[in-house]
């Protein structure tokens, strides 16, 4: 890992939205890792904390709308995107490379579509492993069980997509949705989406 530090550097940084150097985030990350040595076990503990202890804004109809990892932790709520910012922060604070991933999904199995936010964590010797801490509920069961992925939502409908890229920073369209939406309902009414480009066009 040390030899590859430069290639992972951006996935370890504390940034505006993945602000793991803030005292509350750093203290929580340290507490979650207490007594654990293996990165995989630390990653599992961080994942389960964000999945189970941070309430999804829409599921629980909660304000305020959060974006920064520190705000998600402070208020205990966030949309999937915001929860992914917190999970990335907790992992990075523990020296585990973590990035952001996205899917394009339908909201109710038919269009319109919206982006869904999740994470990728780098686990040796596996490599990048995607996890989804949006929060389980009836019909949604995401788990941490490497090397098998068990995400919250499968790709089913034409027009849905798995974006396999691992971003070090949130997409601007996601930040805009979280910043412009003043309530959980406003965000729900204006969820971010990207158009798919057909091959050969």
C-alpha atoms as a PDB file:
ATOM      1  CA  UNK A   1       0.000   0.000   0.000  1.00  0.00           C
ATOM      2  CA  UNK A   2       2.821   2.389   0.849  1.00  0.00           C
ATOM      3  CA  UNK A   3       4.294   2.029  -2.636  1.00  0.00           C
ATOM      4  CA  UNK A   4       0.968   2.982  -4.176  1.00  0.00           C
ATOM      5  CA  UNK A   5       0.222   5.898  -1.861  1.00  0.00           C
ATOM      6  CA  UNK A   6       0.340   8.512  -4.614  1.00  0.00           C
ATOM      7  CA  UNK A   7      -2.238   6.655  -6.712  1.00  0.00           C
ATOM      8  CA  UNK A   8      -4.580   6.498  -3.705  1.00  0.00           C
ATOM      9  CA  UNK A   9      -3.818   9.938  -2.297  1.00  0.00           C
ATOM     10  CA  UNK A  10      -6.987  11.567  -3.611  1.00  0.00           C
ATOM     11  CA  UNK A  11      -9.053   8.785  -2.016  1.00  0.00           C
ATOM     12  CA  UNK A  12      -7.584   9.548   1.405  1.00  0.00           C
ATOM     13  CA  UNK A  13      -7.873  13.344   1.449  1.00  0.00           C
ATOM     14  CA  UNK A  14     -10.063  15.411   3.731  1.00  0.00           C
ATOM     15  CA  UNK A  15     -12.040  17.793   1.515  1.00  0.00           C
ATOM     16  CA  UNK A  16     -14.923  20.239   1.722  1.00  0.00           C
ATOM     17  CA  UNK A  17     -17.611  17.548   1.659  1.00  0.00           C
ATOM     18  CA  UNK A  18     -15.600  14.559   2.873  1.00  0.00           C
ATOM     19  CA  UNK A  19     -14.278  16.515   5.836  1.00  0.00           C
ATOM     20  CA  UNK A  20     -12.872  13.755   8.012  1.00  0.00           C
ATOM     21  CA  UNK A  21     -10.439  16.029   9.860  1.00  0.00           C
ATOM     22  CA  UNK A  22     -13.308  17.727  11.694  1.00  0.00           C
ATOM     23  CA  UNK A  23     -13.185  16.682  15.382  1.00  0.00           C
ATOM     24  CA  UNK A  24     -16.557  14.908  15.505  1.00  0.00           C
ATOM     25  CA  UNK A  25     -15.900  12.819  12.383  1.00  0.00           C
ATOM     26  CA  UNK A  26     -12.363  11.961  13.453  1.00  0.00           C
ATOM     27  CA  UNK A  27     -13.494  10.960  16.942  1.00  0.00           C
ATOM     28  CA  UNK A  28     -16.255   8.748  15.544  1.00  0.00           C
ATOM     29  CA  UNK A  29     -13.876   7.101  13.088  1.00  0.00           C
ATOM     30  CA  UNK A  30     -11.406   6.402  15.879  1.00  0.00           C
ATOM     31  CA  UNK A  31     -14.119   4.970  18.097  1.00  0.00           C
ATOM     32  CA  UNK A  32     -15.431   2.679  15.354  1.00  0.00           C
ATOM     33  CA  UNK A  33     -11.944   1.278  14.751  1.00  0.00           C
ATOM     34  CA  UNK A  34     -11.184   0.743  18.428  1.00  0.00           C
ATOM     35  CA  UNK A  35      -9.799  -2.745  19.024  1.00  0.00           C
ATOM     36  CA  UNK A  36      -9.735  -3.638  15.328  1.00  0.00           C
ATOM     37  CA  UNK A  37      -6.586  -4.148  13.235  1.00  0.00           C
ATOM     38  CA  UNK A  38      -7.777  -5.371   9.844  1.00  0.00           C
ATOM     39  CA  UNK A  39      -8.941  -2.816   7.279  1.00  0.00           C
ATOM     40  CA  UNK A  40     -11.786  -5.093   6.241  1.00  0.00           C
ATOM     41  CA  UNK A  41     -13.197  -5.225   9.760  1.00  0.00           C
ATOM     42  CA  UNK A  42     -12.840  -1.481  10.245  1.00  0.00           C
ATOM     43  CA  UNK A  43     -14.555  -0.890   6.911  1.00  0.00           C
ATOM     44  CA  UNK A  44     -17.394  -3.214   7.921  1.00  0.00           C
ATOM     45  CA  UNK A  45     -17.875  -1.363  11.224  1.00  0.00           C
ATOM     46  CA  UNK A  46     -17.938   2.027   9.481  1.00  0.00           C
ATOM     47  CA  UNK A  47     -20.348   0.754   6.821  1.00  0.00           C
ATOM     48  CA  UNK A  48     -22.776  -0.701   9.348  1.00  0.00           C
ATOM     49  CA  UNK A  49     -22.673   2.483  11.424  1.00  0.00           C
ATOM     50  CA  UNK A  50     -23.640   4.706   8.491  1.00  0.00           C
ATOM     51  CA  UNK A  51     -26.187   2.220   7.144  1.00  0.00           C
ATOM     52  CA  UNK A  52     -27.917   1.601  10.465  1.00  0.00           C
ATOM     53  CA  UNK A  53     -27.361   4.678  12.636  1.00  0.00           C
ATOM     54  CA  UNK A  54     -27.730   7.515  10.118  1.00  0.00           C
ATOM     55  CA  UNK A  55     -31.345   7.844   9.028  1.00  0.00           C
ATOM     56  CA  UNK A  56     -32.150   8.247   5.346  1.00  0.00           C
ATOM     57  CA  UNK A  57     -33.763  11.649   4.838  1.00  0.00           C
ATOM     58  CA  UNK A  58     -36.612  10.391   2.668  1.00  0.00           C
ATOM     59  CA  UNK A  59     -37.330   7.195   4.592  1.00  0.00           C
ATOM     60  CA  UNK A  60     -37.706   9.132   7.831  1.00  0.00           C
ATOM     61  CA  UNK A  61     -38.937  12.451   6.353  1.00  0.00           C
ATOM     62  CA  UNK A  62     -36.172  14.384   8.096  1.00  0.00           C
ATOM     63  CA  UNK A  63     -34.648  17.831   7.795  1.00  0.00           C
ATOM     64  CA  UNK A  64     -32.233  19.497   7.526  1.00  0.00           C
ATOM     65  CA  UNK A  65     -30.804  18.518   4.148  1.00  0.00           C
ATOM     66  CA  UNK A  66     -27.182  17.537   4.789  1.00  0.00           C
ATOM     67  CA  UNK A  67     -24.217  17.352   2.444  1.00  0.00           C
ATOM     68  CA  UNK A  68     -20.916  17.564   4.307  1.00  0.00           C
ATOM     69  CA  UNK A  69     -19.887  14.419   6.163  1.00  0.00           C
ATOM     70  CA  UNK A  70     -19.659  16.366   9.424  1.00  0.00           C
ATOM     71  CA  UNK A  71     -23.242  17.632   9.040  1.00  0.00           C
ATOM     72  CA  UNK A  72     -24.548  14.157   8.233  1.00  0.00           C
ATOM     73  CA  UNK A  73     -22.966  12.890  11.436  1.00  0.00           C
ATOM     74  CA  UNK A  74     -24.091  15.866  13.521  1.00  0.00           C
ATOM     75  CA  UNK A  75     -27.741  15.719  12.456  1.00  0.00           C
ATOM     76  CA  UNK A  76     -27.876  11.932  12.061  1.00  0.00           C
ATOM     77  CA  UNK A  77     -29.589  12.084   8.690  1.00  0.00           C
ATOM     78  CA  UNK A  78     -28.862  12.339   5.005  1.00  0.00           C
ATOM     79  CA  UNK A  79     -29.869  11.270   1.532  1.00  0.00           C
ATOM     80  CA  UNK A  80     -27.902   8.387  -0.008  1.00  0.00           C
ATOM     81  CA  UNK A  81     -25.390  10.857  -1.463  1.00  0.00           C
ATOM     82  CA  UNK A  82     -24.759  12.526   1.874  1.00  0.00           C
ATOM     83  CA  UNK A  83     -24.496   9.185   3.667  1.00  0.00           C
ATOM     84  CA  UNK A  84     -21.853   8.161   1.126  1.00  0.00           C
ATOM     85  CA  UNK A  85     -19.894  11.320   1.963  1.00  0.00           C
ATOM     86  CA  UNK A  86     -19.889  10.335   5.641  1.00  0.00           C
ATOM     87  CA  UNK A  87     -18.869   6.744   4.964  1.00  0.00           C
ATOM     88  CA  UNK A  88     -16.005   7.915   2.759  1.00  0.00           C
ATOM     89  CA  UNK A  89     -14.910  10.286   5.520  1.00  0.00           C
ATOM     90  CA  UNK A  90     -14.942   7.613   8.234  1.00  0.00           C
ATOM     91  CA  UNK A  91     -12.978   5.211   6.043  1.00  0.00           C
ATOM     92  CA  UNK A  92     -10.413   7.826   5.012  1.00  0.00           C
ATOM     93  CA  UNK A  93      -9.952   8.886   8.614  1.00  0.00           C
ATOM     94  CA  UNK A  94      -8.892   5.303   9.289  1.00  0.00           C
ATOM     95  CA  UNK A  95      -6.405   5.317   6.420  1.00  0.00           C
ATOM     96  CA  UNK A  96      -8.630   3.242   4.125  1.00  0.00           C
ATOM     97  CA  UNK A  97      -8.961   4.552   0.536  1.00  0.00           C
ATOM     98  CA  UNK A  98     -12.596   5.306  -0.224  1.00  0.00           C
ATOM     99  CA  UNK A  99     -14.447   6.881  -3.115  1.00  0.00           C
ATOM    100  CA  UNK A 100     -17.926   7.614  -4.379  1.00  0.00           C
ATOM    101  CA  UNK A 101     -19.934   5.632  -6.909  1.00  0.00           C
ATOM    102  CA  UNK A 102     -23.275   6.166  -8.595  1.00  0.00           C
ATOM    103  CA  UNK A 103     -26.078   4.244 -10.201  1.00  0.00           C
ATOM    104  CA  UNK A 104     -28.869   5.540 -12.412  1.00  0.00           C
ATOM    105  CA  UNK A 105     -32.157   4.111 -11.182  1.00  0.00           C
ATOM    106  CA  UNK A 106     -35.868   4.523 -11.603  1.00  0.00           C
ATOM    107  CA  UNK A 107     -37.674   5.887  -8.596  1.00  0.00           C
ATOM    108  CA  UNK A 108     -40.679   3.531  -8.801  1.00  0.00           C
ATOM    109  CA  UNK A 109     -39.541   0.925 -11.388  1.00  0.00           C
ATOM    110  CA  UNK A 110     -40.589   3.218 -14.235  1.00  0.00           C
ATOM    111  CA  UNK A 111     -39.075   6.530 -15.433  1.00  0.00           C
ATOM    112  CA  UNK A 112     -38.203   9.198 -14.387  1.00  0.00           C
ATOM    113  CA  UNK A 113     -34.668   8.282 -13.400  1.00  0.00           C
ATOM    114  CA  UNK A 114     -32.329   9.635 -10.764  1.00  0.00           C
ATOM    115  CA  UNK A 115     -28.803   9.096  -9.546  1.00  0.00           C
ATOM    116  CA  UNK A 116     -28.208   6.955  -6.491  1.00  0.00           C
ATOM    117  CA  UNK A 117     -25.079   7.425  -4.375  1.00  0.00           C
ATOM    118  CA  UNK A 118     -22.942   4.681  -2.867  1.00  0.00           C
ATOM    119  CA  UNK A 119     -19.286   3.964  -2.076  1.00  0.00           C
ATOM    120  CA  UNK A 120     -16.255   1.979  -3.116  1.00  0.00           C
ATOM    121  CA  UNK A 121     -13.657   0.968  -0.541  1.00  0.00           C
ATOM    122  CA  UNK A 122     -10.211  -0.353  -1.430  1.00  0.00           C
ATOM    123  CA  UNK A 123      -9.540  -3.670   0.277  1.00  0.00           C
ATOM    124  CA  UNK A 124      -6.355  -5.627  -0.213  1.00  0.00           C
ATOM    125  CA  UNK A 125      -5.977  -7.981  -2.035  1.00  0.00           C
ATOM    126  CA  UNK A 126      -9.495  -7.618  -3.447  1.00  0.00           C
ATOM    127  CA  UNK A 127      -9.234  -4.098  -4.865  1.00  0.00           C
ATOM    128  CA  UNK A 128     -12.206  -1.747  -5.126  1.00  0.00           C
ATOM    129  CA  UNK A 129     -15.333  -3.129  -3.478  1.00  0.00           C
ATOM    130  CA  UNK A 130     -18.677  -1.324  -3.694  1.00  0.00           C
ATOM    131  CA  UNK A 131     -20.981  -0.943  -0.705  1.00  0.00           C
ATOM    132  CA  UNK A 132     -24.290   0.848  -0.254  1.00  0.00           C
ATOM    133  CA  UNK A 133     -25.018   2.401   3.133  1.00  0.00           C
ATOM    134  CA  UNK A 134     -28.296   4.128   2.160  1.00  0.00           C
ATOM    135  CA  UNK A 135     -30.121   2.152   4.885  1.00  0.00           C
ATOM    136  CA  UNK A 136     -32.059  -1.087   4.771  1.00  0.00           C
ATOM    137  CA  UNK A 137     -35.841  -1.308   4.825  1.00  0.00           C
ATOM    138  CA  UNK A 138     -38.497  -3.633   3.468  1.00  0.00           C
ATOM    139  CA  UNK A 139     -37.311  -4.722   0.032  1.00  0.00           C
ATOM    140  CA  UNK A 140     -33.840  -3.221   0.496  1.00  0.00           C
ATOM    141  CA  UNK A 141     -31.047  -5.272   2.034  1.00  0.00           C
ATOM    142  CA  UNK A 142     -27.477  -4.101   1.440  1.00  0.00           C
ATOM    143  CA  UNK A 143     -24.645  -5.927   3.186  1.00  0.00           C
ATOM    144  CA  UNK A 144     -20.864  -5.890   3.568  1.00  0.00           C
ATOM    145  CA  UNK A 145     -19.748  -9.362   2.435  1.00  0.00           C
ATOM    146  CA  UNK A 146     -16.596  -9.158   0.285  1.00  0.00           C
ATOM    147  CA  UNK A 147     -15.794 -10.332  -2.275  1.00  0.00           C
ATOM    148  CA  UNK A 148     -19.536 -10.512  -3.071  1.00  0.00           C
ATOM    149  CA  UNK A 149     -21.330  -7.225  -3.727  1.00  0.00           C
ATOM    150  CA  UNK A 150     -24.721  -6.897  -2.094  1.00  0.00           C
ATOM    151  CA  UNK A 151     -26.002  -3.465  -3.040  1.00  0.00           C
ATOM    152  CA  UNK A 152     -29.366  -1.957  -2.230  1.00  0.00           C
ATOM    153  CA  UNK A 153     -30.705  -1.881  -5.779  1.00  0.00           C
ATOM    154  CA  UNK A 154     -30.185  -4.131  -8.828  1.00  0.00           C
ATOM    155  CA  UNK A 155     -30.192  -2.749 -12.351  1.00  0.00           C
ATOM    156  CA  UNK A 156     -33.473  -3.917 -13.877  1.00  0.00           C
ATOM    157  CA  UNK A 157     -35.182  -1.351 -16.109  1.00  0.00           C
ATOM    158  CA  UNK A 158     -33.946  -0.181 -19.505  1.00  0.00           C
ATOM    159  CA  UNK A 159     -32.262   3.170 -18.947  1.00  0.00           C
ATOM    160  CA  UNK A 160     -30.890   2.227 -15.541  1.00  0.00           C
ATOM    161  CA  UNK A 161     -27.112   1.916 -15.275  1.00  0.00           C
ATOM    162  CA  UNK A 162     -24.213   0.996 -13.040  1.00  0.00           C
ATOM    163  CA  UNK A 163     -21.440   3.585 -13.305  1.00  0.00           C
ATOM    164  CA  UNK A 164     -18.295   1.684 -12.390  1.00  0.00           C
ATOM    165  CA  UNK A 165     -16.078   4.742 -11.964  1.00  0.00           C
ATOM    166  CA  UNK A 166     -14.818   5.553  -8.484  1.00  0.00           C
ATOM    167  CA  UNK A 167     -14.866   9.306  -7.878  1.00  0.00           C
ATOM    168  CA  UNK A 168     -12.716  10.956  -5.236  1.00  0.00           C
ATOM    169  CA  UNK A 169     -15.177  13.855  -4.951  1.00  0.00           C
ATOM    170  CA  UNK A 170     -18.976  14.120  -5.233  1.00  0.00           C
ATOM    171  CA  UNK A 171     -20.401  14.936  -8.660  1.00  0.00           C
ATOM    172  CA  UNK A 172     -21.279  18.641  -9.000  1.00  0.00           C
ATOM    173  CA  UNK A 173     -24.881  17.789  -9.963  1.00  0.00           C
ATOM    174  CA  UNK A 174     -25.256  15.952  -6.642  1.00  0.00           C
ATOM    175  CA  UNK A 175     -23.835  18.830  -4.622  1.00  0.00           C
ATOM    176  CA  UNK A 176     -26.159  21.234  -6.414  1.00  0.00           C
ATOM    177  CA  UNK A 177     -29.228  19.127  -5.578  1.00  0.00           C
ATOM    178  CA  UNK A 178     -28.290  18.963  -1.897  1.00  0.00           C
ATOM    179  CA  UNK A 179     -27.403  22.649  -1.697  1.00  0.00           C
ATOM    180  CA  UNK A 180     -30.452  23.964  -3.544  1.00  0.00           C
ATOM    181  CA  UNK A 181     -33.000  21.719  -1.834  1.00  0.00           C
ATOM    182  CA  UNK A 182     -34.028  23.425   1.412  1.00  0.00           C
ATOM    183  CA  UNK A 183     -36.097  20.487   2.678  1.00  0.00           C
ATOM    184  CA  UNK A 184     -36.074  16.720   2.177  1.00  0.00           C
ATOM    185  CA  UNK A 185     -39.179  17.157   0.003  1.00  0.00           C
ATOM    186  CA  UNK A 186     -37.516  19.728  -2.259  1.00  0.00           C
ATOM    187  CA  UNK A 187     -34.587  17.359  -2.807  1.00  0.00           C
ATOM    188  CA  UNK A 188     -36.998  14.496  -3.552  1.00  0.00           C
ATOM    189  CA  UNK A 189     -38.776  16.670  -6.108  1.00  0.00           C
ATOM    190  CA  UNK A 190     -35.506  17.554  -7.855  1.00  0.00           C
ATOM    191  CA  UNK A 191     -33.306  14.463  -7.650  1.00  0.00           C
ATOM    192  CA  UNK A 192     -30.214  14.652  -9.864  1.00  0.00           C
ATOM    193  CA  UNK A 193     -29.991  12.624 -13.062  1.00  0.00           C
ATOM    194  CA  UNK A 194     -27.628  12.224 -15.999  1.00  0.00           C
ATOM    195  CA  UNK A 195     -28.510  11.234 -19.548  1.00  0.00           C
ATOM    196  CA  UNK A 196     -27.021   7.999 -20.864  1.00  0.00           C
ATOM    197  CA  UNK A 197     -25.059   8.316 -24.103  1.00  0.00           C
ATOM    198  CA  UNK A 198     -25.639   5.448 -26.515  1.00  0.00           C
ATOM    199  CA  UNK A 199     -22.537   3.672 -27.835  1.00  0.00           C
ATOM    200  CA  UNK A 200     -21.372   4.985 -31.170  1.00  0.00           C
ATOM    201  CA  UNK A 201     -22.984   8.397 -30.803  1.00  0.00           C
END
